[in-house]
């Protein structure tokens, strides 16, 4: 992580990169719905429907301005 602000990937914050949430994931629609609700509420994240682990929203990560390199599900900087 360089600390330098990065440009966001050219996709909506509601749409994770396919390498982070596969289009074939069996709970994709639920995950996207929970993520969208957290985004709309301005929350930093949500509990994952499967594991209960806290997942950061794309909005929170975008406000941070940089990618941490930890493989976040909703990283708004991932392009490839």
Protein backbone atom coordinates (compact mmCIF):
# COMPACT_ATOMS: atom_id res chain seq x y z
CA UNK A 1 0.00 0.00 0.00
CA UNK A 2 1.60 3.24 -1.13
CA UNK A 3 -0.68 5.74 0.63
CA UNK A 4 -1.32 7.44 -2.72
CA UNK A 5 -5.00 7.82 -3.70
CA UNK A 6 -5.92 5.34 -6.41
CA UNK A 7 -8.55 5.67 -9.14
CA UNK A 8 -11.62 3.51 -8.69
CA UNK A 9 -12.27 0.64 -11.09
CA UNK A 10 -14.76 1.44 -13.88
CA UNK A 11 -17.76 -0.38 -12.35
CA UNK A 12 -20.49 0.50 -9.86
CA UNK A 13 -19.64 0.14 -6.17
CA UNK A 14 -22.48 -2.38 -5.98
CA UNK A 15 -20.70 -4.77 -8.38
CA UNK A 16 -17.65 -6.64 -7.02
CA UNK A 17 -14.91 -7.83 -9.34
CA UNK A 18 -15.64 -11.42 -10.47
CA UNK A 19 -12.34 -12.59 -8.97
CA UNK A 20 -13.58 -11.47 -5.53
CA UNK A 21 -17.18 -12.74 -5.78
CA UNK A 22 -17.79 -15.23 -8.56
CA UNK A 23 -20.93 -14.85 -10.68
CA UNK A 24 -21.51 -18.56 -9.91
CA UNK A 25 -21.30 -18.17 -6.12
CA UNK A 26 -24.42 -19.89 -4.74
CA UNK A 27 -25.23 -17.02 -2.36
CA UNK A 28 -24.16 -14.16 -4.64
CA UNK A 29 -27.60 -12.52 -4.79
CA UNK A 30 -27.96 -12.56 -1.00
CA UNK A 31 -24.44 -11.21 -0.52
CA UNK A 32 -25.08 -8.42 -3.04
CA UNK A 33 -28.38 -7.54 -1.35
CA UNK A 34 -26.79 -7.35 2.11
CA UNK A 35 -23.91 -5.30 0.68
CA UNK A 36 -26.31 -2.91 -1.09
CA UNK A 37 -28.28 -2.39 2.13
CA UNK A 38 -25.08 -1.60 4.04
CA UNK A 39 -23.99 0.81 1.28
CA UNK A 40 -27.36 2.58 1.32
CA UNK A 41 -27.21 2.92 5.10
CA UNK A 42 -23.67 4.32 4.95
CA UNK A 43 -22.36 1.48 7.07
CA UNK A 44 -18.71 0.41 6.97
CA UNK A 45 -19.61 -3.22 6.40
CA UNK A 46 -21.91 -6.13 7.07
CA UNK A 47 -21.73 -9.62 8.58
CA UNK A 48 -21.14 -12.24 5.89
CA UNK A 49 -24.29 -14.38 5.53
CA UNK A 50 -22.24 -17.60 5.55
CA UNK A 51 -19.44 -17.01 8.05
CA UNK A 52 -20.61 -14.08 10.15
CA UNK A 53 -17.26 -12.37 9.54
CA UNK A 54 -17.38 -8.60 9.04
CA UNK A 55 -16.99 -7.62 5.36
CA UNK A 56 -16.14 -4.03 4.42
CA UNK A 57 -18.32 -2.30 1.83
CA UNK A 58 -17.00 -0.86 -1.41
CA UNK A 59 -18.12 2.58 -0.20
CA UNK A 60 -16.00 2.36 2.94
CA UNK A 61 -13.00 1.10 0.96
CA UNK A 62 -13.43 3.84 -1.68
CA UNK A 63 -13.48 6.55 1.01
CA UNK A 64 -10.21 5.15 2.33
CA UNK A 65 -8.59 6.07 -0.98
CA UNK A 66 -6.14 3.19 -1.32
CA UNK A 67 -6.10 -0.58 -1.67
CA UNK A 68 -4.75 -2.48 1.32
CA UNK A 69 -3.87 -5.54 -0.78
CA UNK A 70 -5.68 -7.97 1.53
CA UNK A 71 -8.16 -9.29 -1.04
CA UNK A 72 -11.31 -7.52 0.16
CA UNK A 73 -14.48 -8.91 -1.45
CA UNK A 74 -15.77 -5.47 -2.47
CA UNK A 75 -12.45 -3.76 -3.25
CA UNK A 76 -13.32 -0.87 -5.58
CA UNK A 77 -9.77 -0.71 -6.99
CA UNK A 78 -9.40 -4.21 -8.48
CA UNK A 79 -9.37 -4.10 -12.30
CA UNK A 80 -7.80 -7.45 -13.29
